[in-house]
Amino acid sequence: MMRRNRVDHFAVASACRKQPGVWRPVGEYNSGMSADGTVGSICKASTAREASRSAYSPAGSFEARRVLTEFGARVEAGYIGVPVGVADAEVTA
């Protein structure tokens, strides 16, 4: 089994924001289910802990996809901009 490195999601999100529309690697996951969970968390800007802020907030600001690889699935993310109707407070929170 491949050991996965921890992902600095704030660094990935920051890199994505600097280049909107460009897919950036997030991480490689052993299973498609793990990758799908990460894709969902990025797109919804959700976290495992309710009290913490997602690096990908506000929800809808990022796209994510999984790409099958020899070892499992790679997750990639891209910044698409703040959705219409999102308050400035949600963006800077």
PDB file of N, CA and C in Angstrom:
ATOM      1  N   MET A   1       0.843  -1.183   0.000  1.00  0.00           N
ATOM      2  CA  MET A   1       0.000   0.000   0.000  1.00  0.00           C
ATOM      3  C   MET A   1       0.886   1.243   0.000  1.00  0.00           C
ATOM      4  N   MET A   2       0.531   2.197  -0.828  1.00  0.00           N
ATOM      5  CA  MET A   2       1.280   3.444  -0.926  1.00  0.00           C
ATOM      6  C   MET A   2       0.930   4.359   0.248  1.00  0.00           C
ATOM      7  N   ARG A   3       1.940   4.937   0.869  1.00  0.00           N
ATOM      8  CA  ARG A   3       1.701   5.895   1.950  1.00  0.00           C
ATOM      9  C   ARG A   3       1.538   7.267   1.326  1.00  0.00           C
ATOM     10  N   ARG A   4       0.471   7.940   1.707  1.00  0.00           N
ATOM     11  CA  ARG A   4       0.140   9.240   1.123  1.00  0.00           C
ATOM     12  C   ARG A   4       0.725  10.365   1.977  1.00  0.00           C
ATOM     13  N   ASN A   5       1.329  11.340   1.307  1.00  0.00           N
ATOM     14  CA  ASN A   5       1.816  12.528   2.004  1.00  0.00           C
ATOM     15  C   ASN A   5       0.644  13.424   2.378  1.00  0.00           C
ATOM     16  N   ARG A   6       0.767  14.125   3.473  1.00  0.00           N
ATOM     17  CA  ARG A   6      -0.280  15.076   3.882  1.00  0.00           C
ATOM     18  C   ARG A   6      -0.274  16.252   2.911  1.00  0.00           C
ATOM     19  N   VAL A   7      -1.448  16.762   2.663  1.00  0.00           N
ATOM     20  CA  VAL A   7      -1.612  17.857   1.706  1.00  0.00           C
ATOM     21  C   VAL A   7      -1.797  19.167   2.462  1.00  0.00           C
ATOM     22  N   ASP A   8      -1.065  20.192   2.052  1.00  0.00           N
ATOM     23  CA  ASP A   8      -1.267  21.540   2.582  1.00  0.00           C
ATOM     24  C   ASP A   8      -2.312  22.205   1.688  1.00  0.00           C
ATOM     25  N   HIS A   9      -3.583  22.045   2.062  1.00  0.00           N
ATOM     26  CA  HIS A   9      -4.671  22.531   1.221  1.00  0.00           C
ATOM     27  C   HIS A   9      -4.671  24.053   1.090  1.00  0.00           C
ATOM     28  N   PHE A  10      -4.207  24.769   2.106  1.00  0.00           N
ATOM     29  CA  PHE A  10      -4.143  26.227   2.000  1.00  0.00           C
ATOM     30  C   PHE A  10      -3.110  26.646   0.951  1.00  0.00           C
ATOM     31  N   ALA A  11      -2.004  25.921   0.855  1.00  0.00           N
ATOM     32  CA  ALA A  11      -0.993  26.224  -0.168  1.00  0.00           C
ATOM     33  C   ALA A  11      -1.528  25.901  -1.564  1.00  0.00           C
ATOM     34  N   VAL A  12      -2.235  24.782  -1.703  1.00  0.00           N
ATOM     35  CA  VAL A  12      -2.817  24.417  -2.997  1.00  0.00           C
ATOM     36  C   VAL A  12      -3.847  25.462  -3.417  1.00  0.00           C
ATOM     37  N   ALA A  13      -4.740  25.837  -2.499  1.00  0.00           N
ATOM     38  CA  ALA A  13      -5.774  26.830  -2.805  1.00  0.00           C
ATOM     39  C   ALA A  13      -5.146  28.169  -3.187  1.00  0.00           C
ATOM     40  N   SER A  14      -4.098  28.562  -2.494  1.00  0.00           N
ATOM     41  CA  SER A  14      -3.413  29.815  -2.800  1.00  0.00           C
ATOM     42  C   SER A  14      -2.804  29.782  -4.199  1.00  0.00           C
ATOM     43  N   ALA A  15      -2.164  28.672  -4.548  1.00  0.00           N
ATOM     44  CA  ALA A  15      -1.578  28.527  -5.880  1.00  0.00           C
ATOM     45  C   ALA A  15      -2.663  28.573  -6.951  1.00  0.00           C
ATOM     46  N   CYS A  16      -3.800  27.963  -6.669  1.00  0.00           N
ATOM     47  CA  CYS A  16      -4.922  27.982  -7.622  1.00  0.00           C
ATOM     48  C   CYS A  16      -5.462  29.390  -7.813  1.00  0.00           C
ATOM     49  N   ARG A  17      -5.577  30.137  -6.725  1.00  0.00           N
ATOM     50  CA  ARG A  17      -6.101  31.507  -6.818  1.00  0.00           C
ATOM     51  C   ARG A  17      -5.185  32.403  -7.647  1.00  0.00           C
ATOM     52  N   LYS A  18      -3.886  32.119  -7.632  1.00  0.00           N
ATOM     53  CA  LYS A  18      -2.929  32.921  -8.395  1.00  0.00           C
ATOM     54  C   LYS A  18      -3.025  32.655  -9.890  1.00  0.00           C
ATOM     55  N   GLN A  19      -3.578  31.491 -10.262  1.00  0.00           N
ATOM     56  CA  GLN A  19      -3.712  31.136 -11.672  1.00  0.00           C
ATOM     57  C   GLN A  19      -5.112  30.567 -11.920  1.00  0.00           C
ATOM     58  N   PRO A  20      -6.127  31.431 -11.954  1.00  0.00           N
ATOM     59  CA  PRO A  20      -7.490  30.940 -12.185  1.00  0.00           C
ATOM     60  C   PRO A  20      -7.587  30.146 -13.481  1.00  0.00           C
ATOM     61  N   GLY A  21      -8.368  29.069 -13.415  1.00  0.00           N
ATOM     62  CA  GLY A  21      -8.594  28.248 -14.594  1.00  0.00           C
ATOM     63  C   GLY A  21      -7.525  27.214 -14.875  1.00  0.00           C
ATOM     64  N   VAL A  22      -6.466  27.178 -14.068  1.00  0.00           N
ATOM     65  CA  VAL A  22      -5.380  26.212 -14.254  1.00  0.00           C
ATOM     66  C   VAL A  22      -5.544  25.093 -13.231  1.00  0.00           C
ATOM     67  N   TRP A  23      -5.525  23.856 -13.700  1.00  0.00           N
ATOM     68  CA  TRP A  23      -5.626  22.707 -12.795  1.00  0.00           C
ATOM     69  C   TRP A  23      -4.306  22.515 -12.065  1.00  0.00           C
ATOM     70  N   ARG A  24      -4.387  22.386 -10.739  1.00  0.00           N
ATOM     71  CA  ARG A  24      -3.204  22.172  -9.892  1.00  0.00           C
ATOM     72  C   ARG A  24      -3.351  20.834  -9.164  1.00  0.00           C
ATOM     73  N   PRO A  25      -2.272  20.072  -8.994  1.00  0.00           N
ATOM     74  CA  PRO A  25      -2.374  18.800  -8.273  1.00  0.00           C
ATOM     75  C   PRO A  25      -2.634  19.033  -6.781  1.00  0.00           C
ATOM     76  N   VAL A  26      -3.533  18.243  -6.233  1.00  0.00           N
ATOM     77  CA  VAL A  26      -3.821  18.284  -4.795  1.00  0.00           C
ATOM     78  C   VAL A  26      -3.120  17.126  -4.107  1.00  0.00           C
ATOM     79  N   GLY A  27      -3.325  15.924  -4.604  1.00  0.00           N
ATOM     80  CA  GLY A  27      -2.689  14.754  -4.011  1.00  0.00           C
ATOM     81  C   GLY A  27      -3.098  13.483  -4.718  1.00  0.00           C
ATOM     82  N   GLU A  28      -2.389  12.413  -4.398  1.00  0.00           N
ATOM     83  CA  GLU A  28      -2.669  11.083  -4.958  1.00  0.00           C
ATOM     84  C   GLU A  28      -3.283  10.236  -3.855  1.00  0.00           C
ATOM     85  N   TYR A  29      -4.356   9.547  -4.175  1.00  0.00           N
ATOM     86  CA  TYR A  29      -5.103   8.755  -3.199  1.00  0.00           C
ATOM     87  C   TYR A  29      -5.137   7.295  -3.638  1.00  0.00           C
ATOM     88  N   ASN A  30      -5.085   6.386  -2.653  1.00  0.00           N
ATOM     89  CA  ASN A  30      -5.076   4.960  -2.943  1.00  0.00           C
ATOM     90  C   ASN A  30      -6.382   4.481  -3.552  1.00  0.00           C
ATOM     91  N   SER A  31      -7.484   5.081  -3.162  1.00  0.00           N
ATOM     92  CA  SER A  31      -8.781   4.617  -3.653  1.00  0.00           C
ATOM     93  C   SER A  31      -9.553   5.741  -4.316  1.00  0.00           C
ATOM     94  N   GLY A  32     -10.400   5.346  -5.258  1.00  0.00           N
ATOM     95  CA  GLY A  32     -11.271   6.311  -5.912  1.00  0.00           C
ATOM     96  C   GLY A  32     -12.240   6.944  -4.942  1.00  0.00           C
ATOM     97  N   MET A  33     -12.665   6.180  -3.931  1.00  0.00           N
ATOM     98  CA  MET A  33     -13.604   6.721  -2.943  1.00  0.00           C
ATOM     99  C   MET A  33     -12.966   7.847  -2.132  1.00  0.00           C
ATOM    100  N   SER A  34     -11.714   7.668  -1.735  1.00  0.00           N
ATOM    101  CA  SER A  34     -11.006   8.731  -1.002  1.00  0.00           C
ATOM    102  C   SER A  34     -10.855   9.967  -1.876  1.00  0.00           C
ATOM    103  N   ALA A  35     -10.500   9.743  -3.123  1.00  0.00           N
ATOM    104  CA  ALA A  35     -10.348  10.865  -4.057  1.00  0.00           C
ATOM    105  C   ALA A  35     -11.688  11.575  -4.252  1.00  0.00           C
ATOM    106  N   ASP A  36     -12.767  10.797  -4.405  1.00  0.00           N
ATOM    107  CA  ASP A  36     -14.091  11.399  -4.579  1.00  0.00           C
ATOM    108  C   ASP A  36     -14.491  12.230  -3.364  1.00  0.00           C
ATOM    109  N   GLY A  37     -14.150  11.758  -2.171  1.00  0.00           N
ATOM    110  CA  GLY A  37     -14.442  12.513  -0.956  1.00  0.00           C
ATOM    111  C   GLY A  37     -13.712  13.846  -0.934  1.00  0.00           C
ATOM    112  N   THR A  38     -12.471  13.831  -1.363  1.00  0.00           N
ATOM    113  CA  THR A  38     -11.688  15.060  -1.411  1.00  0.00           C
ATOM    114  C   THR A  38     -12.237  16.014  -2.468  1.00  0.00           C
ATOM    115  N   VAL A  39     -12.617  15.485  -3.614  1.00  0.00           N
ATOM    116  CA  VAL A  39     -13.219  16.311  -4.668  1.00  0.00           C
ATOM    117  C   VAL A  39     -14.476  16.999  -4.132  1.00  0.00           C
ATOM    118  N   GLY A  40     -15.320  16.244  -3.443  1.00  0.00           N
ATOM    119  CA  GLY A  40     -16.543  16.820  -2.875  1.00  0.00           C
ATOM    120  C   GLY A  40     -16.256  17.891  -1.843  1.00  0.00           C
ATOM    121  N   SER A  41     -15.258  17.642  -1.003  1.00  0.00           N
ATOM    122  CA  SER A  41     -14.893  18.627   0.030  1.00  0.00           C
ATOM    123  C   SER A  41     -14.378  19.921  -0.587  1.00  0.00           C
ATOM    124  N   ILE A  42     -13.637  19.809  -1.670  1.00  0.00           N
ATOM    125  CA  ILE A  42     -13.116  21.006  -2.338  1.00  0.00           C
ATOM    126  C   ILE A  42     -14.261  21.794  -2.964  1.00  0.00           C
ATOM    127  N   CYS A  43     -15.117  21.128  -3.705  1.00  0.00           N
ATOM    128  CA  CYS A  43     -16.210  21.820  -4.404  1.00  0.00           C
ATOM    129  C   CYS A  43     -17.216  22.444  -3.444  1.00  0.00           C
ATOM    130  N   LYS A  44     -17.457  21.772  -2.317  1.00  0.00           N
ATOM    131  CA  LYS A  44     -18.425  22.274  -1.335  1.00  0.00           C
ATOM    132  C   LYS A  44     -17.771  23.150  -0.270  1.00  0.00           C
ATOM    133  N   ALA A  45     -16.429  23.231  -0.292  1.00  0.00           N
ATOM    134  CA  ALA A  45     -15.663  23.970   0.725  1.00  0.00           C
ATOM    135  C   ALA A  45     -16.019  23.472   2.120  1.00  0.00           C
ATOM    136  N   SER A  46     -16.074  22.155   2.267  1.00  0.00           N
ATOM    137  CA  SER A  46     -16.418  21.576   3.573  1.00  0.00           C
ATOM    138  C   SER A  46     -15.177  21.020   4.259  1.00  0.00           C
ATOM    139  N   THR A  47     -15.266  20.903   5.571  1.00  0.00           N
ATOM    140  CA  THR A  47     -14.174  20.352   6.365  1.00  0.00           C
ATOM    141  C   THR A  47     -14.714  19.271   7.282  1.00  0.00           C
ATOM    142  N   ALA A  48     -13.811  18.452   7.788  1.00  0.00           N
ATOM    143  CA  ALA A  48     -14.213  17.390   8.718  1.00  0.00           C
ATOM    144  C   ALA A  48     -14.655  17.982  10.051  1.00  0.00           C
ATOM    145  N   ARG A  49     -14.058  19.101  10.412  1.00  0.00           N
ATOM    146  CA  ARG A  49     -14.426  19.769  11.670  1.00  0.00           C
ATOM    147  C   ARG A  49     -15.244  21.008  11.361  1.00  0.00           C
ATOM    148  N   GLU A  50     -16.394  21.068  11.944  1.00  0.00           N
ATOM    149  CA  GLU A  50     -17.321  22.165  11.672  1.00  0.00           C
ATOM    150  C   GLU A  50     -16.737  23.539  12.020  1.00  0.00           C
ATOM    151  N   ALA A  51     -15.885  23.586  13.043  1.00  0.00           N
ATOM    152  CA  ALA A  51     -15.353  24.872  13.517  1.00  0.00           C
ATOM    153  C   ALA A  51     -14.229  25.406  12.625  1.00  0.00           C
ATOM    154  N   SER A  52     -13.669  24.569  11.744  1.00  0.00           N
ATOM    155  CA  SER A  52     -12.550  25.051  10.938  1.00  0.00           C
ATOM    156  C   SER A  52     -13.017  25.548   9.573  1.00  0.00           C
ATOM    157  N   ARG A  53     -12.229  26.450   9.003  1.00  0.00           N
ATOM    158  CA  ARG A  53     -12.535  27.059   7.708  1.00  0.00           C
ATOM    159  C   ARG A  53     -11.845  26.274   6.603  1.00  0.00           C
ATOM    160  N   SER A  54     -12.542  26.061   5.523  1.00  0.00           N
ATOM    161  CA  SER A  54     -11.969  25.356   4.381  1.00  0.00           C
ATOM    162  C   SER A  54     -11.034  26.277   3.601  1.00  0.00           C
ATOM    163  N   ALA A  55      -9.951  25.710   3.126  1.00  0.00           N
ATOM    164  CA  ALA A  55      -9.027  26.460   2.271  1.00  0.00           C
ATOM    165  C   ALA A  55      -9.686  26.849   0.957  1.00  0.00           C
ATOM    166  N   TYR A  56     -10.752  26.135   0.599  1.00  0.00           N
ATOM    167  CA  TYR A  56     -11.401  26.319  -0.693  1.00  0.00           C
ATOM    168  C   TYR A  56     -12.689  27.134  -0.600  1.00  0.00           C
ATOM    169  N   SER A  57     -12.829  27.915   0.465  1.00  0.00           N
ATOM    170  CA  SER A  57     -14.052  28.703   0.625  1.00  0.00           C
ATOM    171  C   SER A  57     -13.940  29.999  -0.183  1.00  0.00           C
ATOM    172  N   PRO A  58     -15.088  30.572  -0.544  1.00  0.00           N
ATOM    173  CA  PRO A  58     -16.439  30.081  -0.287  1.00  0.00           C
ATOM    174  C   PRO A  58     -16.807  28.942  -1.239  1.00  0.00           C
ATOM    175  N   ALA A  59     -17.825  28.194  -0.867  1.00  0.00           N
ATOM    176  CA  ALA A  59     -18.277  27.060  -1.671  1.00  0.00           C
ATOM    177  C   ALA A  59     -18.563  27.513  -3.095  1.00  0.00           C
ATOM    178  N   GLY A  60     -18.146  26.698  -4.042  1.00  0.00           N
ATOM    179  CA  GLY A  60     -18.372  27.012  -5.445  1.00  0.00           C
ATOM    180  C   GLY A  60     -17.257  27.805  -6.106  1.00  0.00           C
ATOM    181  N   SER A  61     -16.222  28.161  -5.350  1.00  0.00           N
ATOM    182  CA  SER A  61     -15.107  28.939  -5.905  1.00  0.00           C
ATOM    183  C   SER A  61     -14.087  28.071  -6.635  1.00  0.00           C
ATOM    184  N   PHE A  62     -14.128  26.771  -6.368  1.00  0.00           N
ATOM    185  CA  PHE A  62     -13.153  25.842  -6.944  1.00  0.00           C
ATOM    186  C   PHE A  62     -13.859  24.688  -7.634  1.00  0.00           C
ATOM    187  N   GLU A  63     -13.223  24.201  -8.691  1.00  0.00           N
ATOM    188  CA  GLU A  63     -13.619  22.946  -9.317  1.00  0.00           C
ATOM    189  C   GLU A  63     -12.589  21.914  -8.888  1.00  0.00           C
ATOM    190  N   ALA A  64     -12.980  20.662  -8.897  1.00  0.00           N
ATOM    191  CA  ALA A  64     -12.039  19.596  -8.600  1.00  0.00           C
ATOM    192  C   ALA A  64     -12.404  18.385  -9.441  1.00  0.00           C
ATOM    193  N   ARG A  65     -11.398  17.586  -9.720  1.00  0.00           N
ATOM    194  CA  ARG A  65     -11.619  16.359 -10.490  1.00  0.00           C
ATOM    195  C   ARG A  65     -10.644  15.301 -10.014  1.00  0.00           C
ATOM    196  N   ARG A  66     -10.993  14.052 -10.324  1.00  0.00           N
ATOM    197  CA  ARG A  66     -10.057  12.962 -10.042  1.00  0.00           C
ATOM    198  C   ARG A  66      -9.621  12.368 -11.356  1.00  0.00           C
ATOM    199  N   VAL A  67      -8.365  11.998 -11.411  1.00  0.00           N
ATOM    200  CA  VAL A  67      -7.775  11.394 -12.592  1.00  0.00           C
ATOM    201  C   VAL A  67      -7.207  10.050 -12.166  1.00  0.00           C
ATOM    202  N   LEU A  68      -7.649   8.968 -12.809  1.00  0.00           N
ATOM    203  CA  LEU A  68      -7.139   7.646 -12.461  1.00  0.00           C
ATOM    204  C   LEU A  68      -5.674   7.543 -12.837  1.00  0.00           C
ATOM    205  N   THR A  69      -4.899   6.908 -11.945  1.00  0.00           N
ATOM    206  CA  THR A  69      -3.465   6.736 -12.170  1.00  0.00           C
ATOM    207  C   THR A  69      -3.109   5.268 -11.939  1.00  0.00           C
ATOM    208  N   GLU A  70      -1.869   4.963 -12.140  1.00  0.00           N
ATOM    209  CA  GLU A  70      -1.370   3.599 -11.914  1.00  0.00           C
ATOM    210  C   GLU A  70      -1.541   3.176 -10.449  1.00  0.00           C
ATOM    211  N   PHE A  71      -1.485   4.138  -9.526  1.00  0.00           N
ATOM    212  CA  PHE A  71      -1.505   3.834  -8.100  1.00  0.00           C
ATOM    213  C   PHE A  71      -2.839   4.133  -7.415  1.00  0.00           C
ATOM    214  N   GLY A  72      -3.807   4.673  -8.122  1.00  0.00           N
ATOM    215  CA  GLY A  72      -5.088   5.024  -7.510  1.00  0.00           C
ATOM    216  C   GLY A  72      -5.734   6.162  -8.267  1.00  0.00           C
ATOM    217  N   ALA A  73      -5.849   7.299  -7.624  1.00  0.00           N
ATOM    218  CA  ALA A  73      -6.475   8.457  -8.257  1.00  0.00           C
ATOM    219  C   ALA A  73      -5.821   9.741  -7.769  1.00  0.00           C
ATOM    220  N   ARG A  74      -5.512  10.621  -8.713  1.00  0.00           N
ATOM    221  CA  ARG A  74      -4.939  11.925  -8.391  1.00  0.00           C
ATOM    222  C   ARG A  74      -6.080  12.940  -8.384  1.00  0.00           C
ATOM    223  N   VAL A  75      -6.076  13.819  -7.401  1.00  0.00           N
ATOM    224  CA  VAL A  75      -7.065  14.886  -7.330  1.00  0.00           C
ATOM    225  C   VAL A  75      -6.396  16.173  -7.790  1.00  0.00           C
ATOM    226  N   GLU A  76      -7.114  16.913  -8.633  1.00  0.00           N
ATOM    227  CA  GLU A  76      -6.649  18.207  -9.112  1.00  0.00           C
ATOM    228  C   GLU A  76      -7.734  19.232  -8.824  1.00  0.00           C
ATOM    229  N   ALA A  77      -7.323  20.466  -8.580  1.00  0.00           N
ATOM    230  CA  ALA A  77      -8.277  21.539  -8.291  1.00  0.00           C
ATOM    231  C   ALA A  77      -7.937  22.755  -9.125  1.00  0.00           C
ATOM    232  N   GLY A  78      -8.953  23.563  -9.367  1.00  0.00           N
ATOM    233  CA  GLY A  78      -8.777  24.813 -10.100  1.00  0.00           C
ATOM    234  C   GLY A  78      -9.711  25.872  -9.554  1.00  0.00           C
ATOM    235  N   TYR A  79      -9.214  27.085  -9.483  1.00  0.00           N
ATOM    236  CA  TYR A  79     -10.010  28.213  -8.991  1.00  0.00           C
ATOM    237  C   TYR A  79     -10.822  28.778 -10.135  1.00  0.00           C
ATOM    238  N   ILE A  80     -12.122  28.950  -9.927  1.00  0.00           N
ATOM    239  CA  ILE A  80     -12.988  29.483 -10.977  1.00  0.00           C
ATOM    240  C   ILE A  80     -13.580  30.832 -10.599  1.00  0.00           C
ATOM    241  N   GLY A  81     -13.297  31.311  -9.402  1.00  0.00           N
ATOM    242  CA  GLY A  81     -13.794  32.610  -8.977  1.00  0.00           C
ATOM    243  C   GLY A  81     -14.926  32.490  -7.976  1.00  0.00           C
ATOM    244  N   VAL A  82     -15.225  33.601  -7.366  1.00  0.00           N
ATOM    245  CA  VAL A  82     -16.263  33.636  -6.340  1.00  0.00           C
ATOM    246  C   VAL A  82     -17.632  33.631  -7.016  1.00  0.00           C
ATOM    247  N   PRO A  83     -18.518  32.742  -6.596  1.00  0.00           N
ATOM    248  CA  PRO A  83     -19.855  32.687  -7.192  1.00  0.00           C
ATOM    249  C   PRO A  83     -20.617  33.988  -7.024  1.00  0.00           C
ATOM    250  N   VAL A  84     -21.452  34.293  -7.991  1.00  0.00           N
ATOM    251  CA  VAL A  84     -22.297  35.489  -7.929  1.00  0.00           C
ATOM    252  C   VAL A  84     -23.201  35.399  -6.708  1.00  0.00           C
ATOM    253  N   GLY A  85     -23.328  36.509  -5.995  1.00  0.00           N
ATOM    254  CA  GLY A  85     -24.201  36.553  -4.827  1.00  0.00           C
ATOM    255  C   GLY A  85     -23.531  36.210  -3.519  1.00  0.00           C
ATOM    256  N   VAL A  86     -22.240  35.894  -3.543  1.00  0.00           N
ATOM    257  CA  VAL A  86     -21.527  35.590  -2.293  1.00  0.00           C
ATOM    258  C   VAL A  86     -21.036  36.892  -1.701  1.00  0.00           C
ATOM    259  N   ALA A  87     -21.333  37.101  -0.437  1.00  0.00           N
ATOM    260  CA  ALA A  87     -20.951  38.340   0.258  1.00  0.00           C
ATOM    261  C   ALA A  87     -19.439  38.391   0.443  1.00  0.00           C
ATOM    262  N   ASP A  88     -18.887  39.605   0.460  1.00  0.00           N
ATOM    263  CA  ASP A  88     -17.460  39.796   0.688  1.00  0.00           C
ATOM    264  C   ASP A  88     -17.004  39.170   1.997  1.00  0.00           C
ATOM    265  N   ALA A  89     -17.834  39.183   3.016  1.00  0.00           N
ATOM    266  CA  ALA A  89     -17.471  38.608   4.315  1.00  0.00           C
ATOM    267  C   ALA A  89     -17.202  37.116   4.187  1.00  0.00           C
ATOM    268  N   GLU A  90     -17.916  36.421   3.310  1.00  0.00           N
ATOM    269  CA  GLU A  90     -17.697  34.988   3.122  1.00  0.00           C
ATOM    270  C   GLU A  90     -16.387  34.720   2.425  1.00  0.00           C
ATOM    271  N   VAL A  91     -15.941  35.623   1.566  1.00  0.00           N
ATOM    272  CA  VAL A  91     -14.714  35.462   0.821  1.00  0.00           C
ATOM    273  C   VAL A  91     -13.506  35.653   1.711  1.00  0.00           C
ATOM    274  N   THR A  92     -13.534  36.621   2.589  1.00  0.00           N
ATOM    275  CA  THR A  92     -12.372  36.942   3.428  1.00  0.00           C
ATOM    276  C   THR A  92     -12.414  36.261   4.784  1.00  0.00           C
ATOM    277  N   ALA A  93     -13.474  35.560   5.100  1.00  0.00           N
ATOM    278  CA  ALA A  93     -13.596  34.906   6.416  1.00  0.00           C
ATOM    279  C   ALA A  93     -12.552  33.850   6.599  1.00  0.00           C
TER     280      ALA A  93
END
